[in-house]
Protein backbone atom coordinates (compact mmCIF):
# COMPACT_ATOMS: atom_id res chain seq x y z
CA MET A 1 -0.29 0.03 0.03
CA ASN A 2 1.51 3.53 -1.00
CA PRO A 3 1.30 6.25 1.44
CA VAL A 4 -1.37 8.57 1.27
CA LYS A 5 -1.61 12.35 1.94
CA VAL A 6 -4.04 13.46 4.82
CA ILE A 7 -5.10 16.50 6.51
CA VAL A 8 -5.77 16.41 10.41
CA LYS A 9 -7.18 19.40 11.94
CA THR A 10 -7.39 19.60 15.62
CA LYS A 11 -9.88 22.17 17.62
CA THR A 12 -9.73 22.57 21.36
CA LEU A 13 -12.81 23.50 23.24
CA SER A 14 -13.60 24.79 26.83
CA ARG A 15 -17.30 22.55 26.62
CA LYS A 16 -18.58 19.09 27.71
CA ALA A 17 -18.08 16.46 25.29
CA ASN A 18 -21.85 15.99 25.22
CA GLU A 19 -22.19 19.72 24.48
CA VAL A 20 -19.88 19.44 21.46
CA TYR A 21 -21.08 16.30 20.35
CA ARG A 22 -24.51 17.83 19.93
CA PHE A 23 -23.65 20.73 18.06
CA PHE A 24 -21.68 19.03 15.72
CA GLU A 25 -24.54 16.36 15.46
CA ASN A 26 -26.80 18.99 13.94
CA MET A 27 -25.65 19.81 10.55
CA GLU A 28 -27.08 23.28 10.68
CA SER A 29 -24.40 23.91 13.43
CA LEU A 30 -22.08 23.91 9.94
CA GLU A 31 -23.45 27.42 9.02
CA VAL A 32 -21.84 29.35 11.99
CA GLY A 33 -18.48 29.32 10.23
CA GLY A 34 -19.42 31.12 7.50
CA GLN A 35 -17.97 28.26 4.48
CA ILE A 36 -21.67 26.83 4.37
CA THR A 37 -24.77 28.12 3.70
CA GLY A 38 -28.40 26.73 2.94
CA VAL A 39 -27.86 23.44 4.68
CA GLN A 40 -31.16 21.39 4.00
CA GLU A 41 -32.02 17.83 5.00
CA SER A 42 -32.98 15.56 2.18
CA SER A 43 -35.09 12.82 2.73
CA ASP A 44 -32.40 10.22 1.67
CA GLY A 45 -30.52 11.14 4.70
CA TRP A 46 -28.16 13.55 2.87
CA TRP A 47 -27.59 17.28 3.63
CA THR A 48 -27.46 19.82 0.82
CA PHE A 49 -25.41 23.25 1.14
CA ASP A 50 -23.41 26.05 -0.87
CA HIS A 51 -19.77 25.69 0.15
CA ALA A 52 -17.43 28.53 -0.06
CA ILE A 53 -14.81 26.61 -2.23
CA ALA A 54 -16.22 23.80 -2.75
CA GLY A 55 -19.69 24.92 -4.49
CA LYS A 56 -23.07 22.94 -4.48
CA SER A 57 -22.14 20.08 -2.12
CA LYS A 58 -23.41 17.13 0.22
CA MET A 59 -22.72 15.23 3.60
CA LYS A 60 -24.17 12.91 5.23
CA GLN A 61 -23.50 10.89 8.66
CA VAL A 62 -22.16 7.46 8.47
CA ASN A 63 -21.46 6.63 11.97
CA SER A 64 -22.88 8.58 14.84
CA ASN A 65 -22.23 7.50 18.48
CA GLU A 66 -22.69 9.86 21.29
CA LYS A 67 -20.85 7.57 24.01
CA TYR A 68 -17.89 7.52 21.73
CA GLY A 69 -17.86 10.93 20.41
CA MET A 70 -17.87 9.52 16.90
CA LEU A 71 -19.55 11.90 14.24
CA ASP A 72 -17.78 10.45 11.04
CA HIS A 73 -19.30 11.37 7.51
CA ILE A 74 -18.70 12.00 4.01
CA PHE A 75 -18.35 14.89 1.98
CA VAL A 76 -19.00 15.38 -1.79
CA GLY A 77 -18.18 18.55 -3.49
CA GLU A 78 -16.36 19.95 -6.29
CA GLY A 79 -16.16 16.47 -7.96
CA LEU A 80 -14.61 15.08 -4.65
CA THR A 81 -15.55 12.58 -2.25
CA TRP A 82 -13.68 12.19 1.18
CA ASN A 83 -14.53 10.43 4.52
CA VAL A 84 -14.12 12.68 7.44
CA TYR A 85 -13.58 11.11 10.90
CA ILE A 86 -14.60 12.76 13.98
């Protein structure tokens, strides 16, 4: 297997873990950062929105578990698809 380039982002918060989990579990919270607007839930579990860089995009949670703080999702935008592990 060849090495794969990855991006790792870290954010430190002064909040309880369950508060942070609930904030990020709500996809509409993504609008707070200003890069995403017009978040709408589709009937198939995907959330669609306009992304400042990727344009028309969508995202879907694929693994959600509050006990372990997992909010993994798939992001699709600008012809690219990638898995995001939280």
